[in-house]
Amino acid sequence: MPASPSTGTPGEQPKHLKPGDDAMPGTPGTGEDLCEDCGGTGIRKDGSECPTCEGTGRVIHGIGGG
């Protein structure tokens, strides 16, 4: 069964930024984090797909600082 565009294959890096991403995966100074809007489930409270992470439950955020 092919992977859906929103969830992809585990370990596969998406080819576009999701609304909740700060940068493309693999960008130096970034890391994967749980989506703050759905708590990492990929599903909103109303049962629909989370638009922030596009249903993956994960987003890319800047890390560190200074």
Protein backbone atom coordinates (compact mmCIF):
# COMPACT_ATOMS: atom_id res chain seq x y z
CA MET A 1 0.00 0.00 0.00
CA PRO A 2 1.51 3.39 -0.92
CA ALA A 3 2.10 5.92 1.80
CA SER A 4 -0.29 8.83 1.93
CA PRO A 5 1.14 12.24 1.07
CA SER A 6 0.42 13.61 4.53
CA THR A 7 2.03 10.87 6.58
CA GLY A 8 4.71 9.60 4.22
CA THR A 9 7.03 6.71 4.94
CA PRO A 10 8.68 6.60 8.37
CA GLY A 11 12.12 8.14 8.10
CA GLU A 12 11.30 9.74 4.74
CA GLN A 13 11.86 13.48 4.71
CA PRO A 14 9.04 15.59 3.28
CA LYS A 15 9.71 17.54 0.11
CA HIS A 16 7.94 20.69 1.33
CA LEU A 17 7.45 22.74 4.46
CA LYS A 18 4.36 22.03 6.49
CA PRO A 19 2.61 25.06 8.01
CA GLY A 20 4.17 24.34 11.42
CA ASP A 21 7.74 23.88 10.15
CA ASP A 22 10.42 26.52 10.71
CA ALA A 23 12.76 24.96 8.11
CA MET A 24 13.28 21.91 5.90
CA PRO A 25 14.28 18.71 7.71
CA GLY A 26 18.04 18.37 8.00
CA THR A 27 18.65 22.11 8.11
CA PRO A 28 21.50 22.80 10.56
CA GLY A 29 20.23 24.20 13.84
CA THR A 30 16.82 22.51 13.58
CA GLY A 31 15.23 19.35 14.89
CA GLU A 32 12.00 17.40 14.83
CA ASP A 33 9.49 18.12 17.58
CA LEU A 34 5.94 17.16 18.44
CA CYS A 35 3.32 19.39 16.90
CA GLU A 36 2.06 21.80 19.56
CA ASP A 37 -1.42 22.03 18.05
CA CYS A 38 -2.28 18.31 18.14
CA GLY A 39 0.18 17.09 20.77
CA GLY A 40 1.88 14.78 18.28
CA THR A 41 -1.22 12.78 17.34
CA GLY A 42 -1.77 14.34 13.91
CA ILE A 43 -5.47 14.58 14.76
CA ARG A 44 -7.36 17.61 16.04
CA LYS A 45 -9.88 17.37 18.87
CA ASP A 46 -12.71 17.37 16.33
CA GLY A 47 -11.23 14.26 14.68
CA SER A 48 -9.93 16.00 11.56
CA GLU A 49 -6.33 15.99 10.35
CA CYS A 50 -4.15 18.61 11.99
CA PRO A 51 -3.40 21.32 9.42
CA THR A 52 -0.24 22.48 11.23
CA CYS A 53 1.65 19.18 10.83
CA GLU A 54 -0.49 17.82 7.98
CA GLY A 55 -1.36 14.78 10.07
CA THR A 56 2.20 13.65 10.85
CA GLY A 57 2.26 14.84 14.46
CA ARG A 58 5.75 16.23 13.87
CA VAL A 59 7.15 19.63 12.93
CA ILE A 60 10.65 21.02 12.40
CA HIS A 61 11.72 23.77 14.81
CA GLY A 62 14.87 25.74 15.39
CA ILE A 63 16.89 24.50 18.36
CA GLY A 64 19.49 26.08 20.54
CA GLY A 65 20.05 29.76 20.35
CA GLY A 66 22.33 32.45 21.41
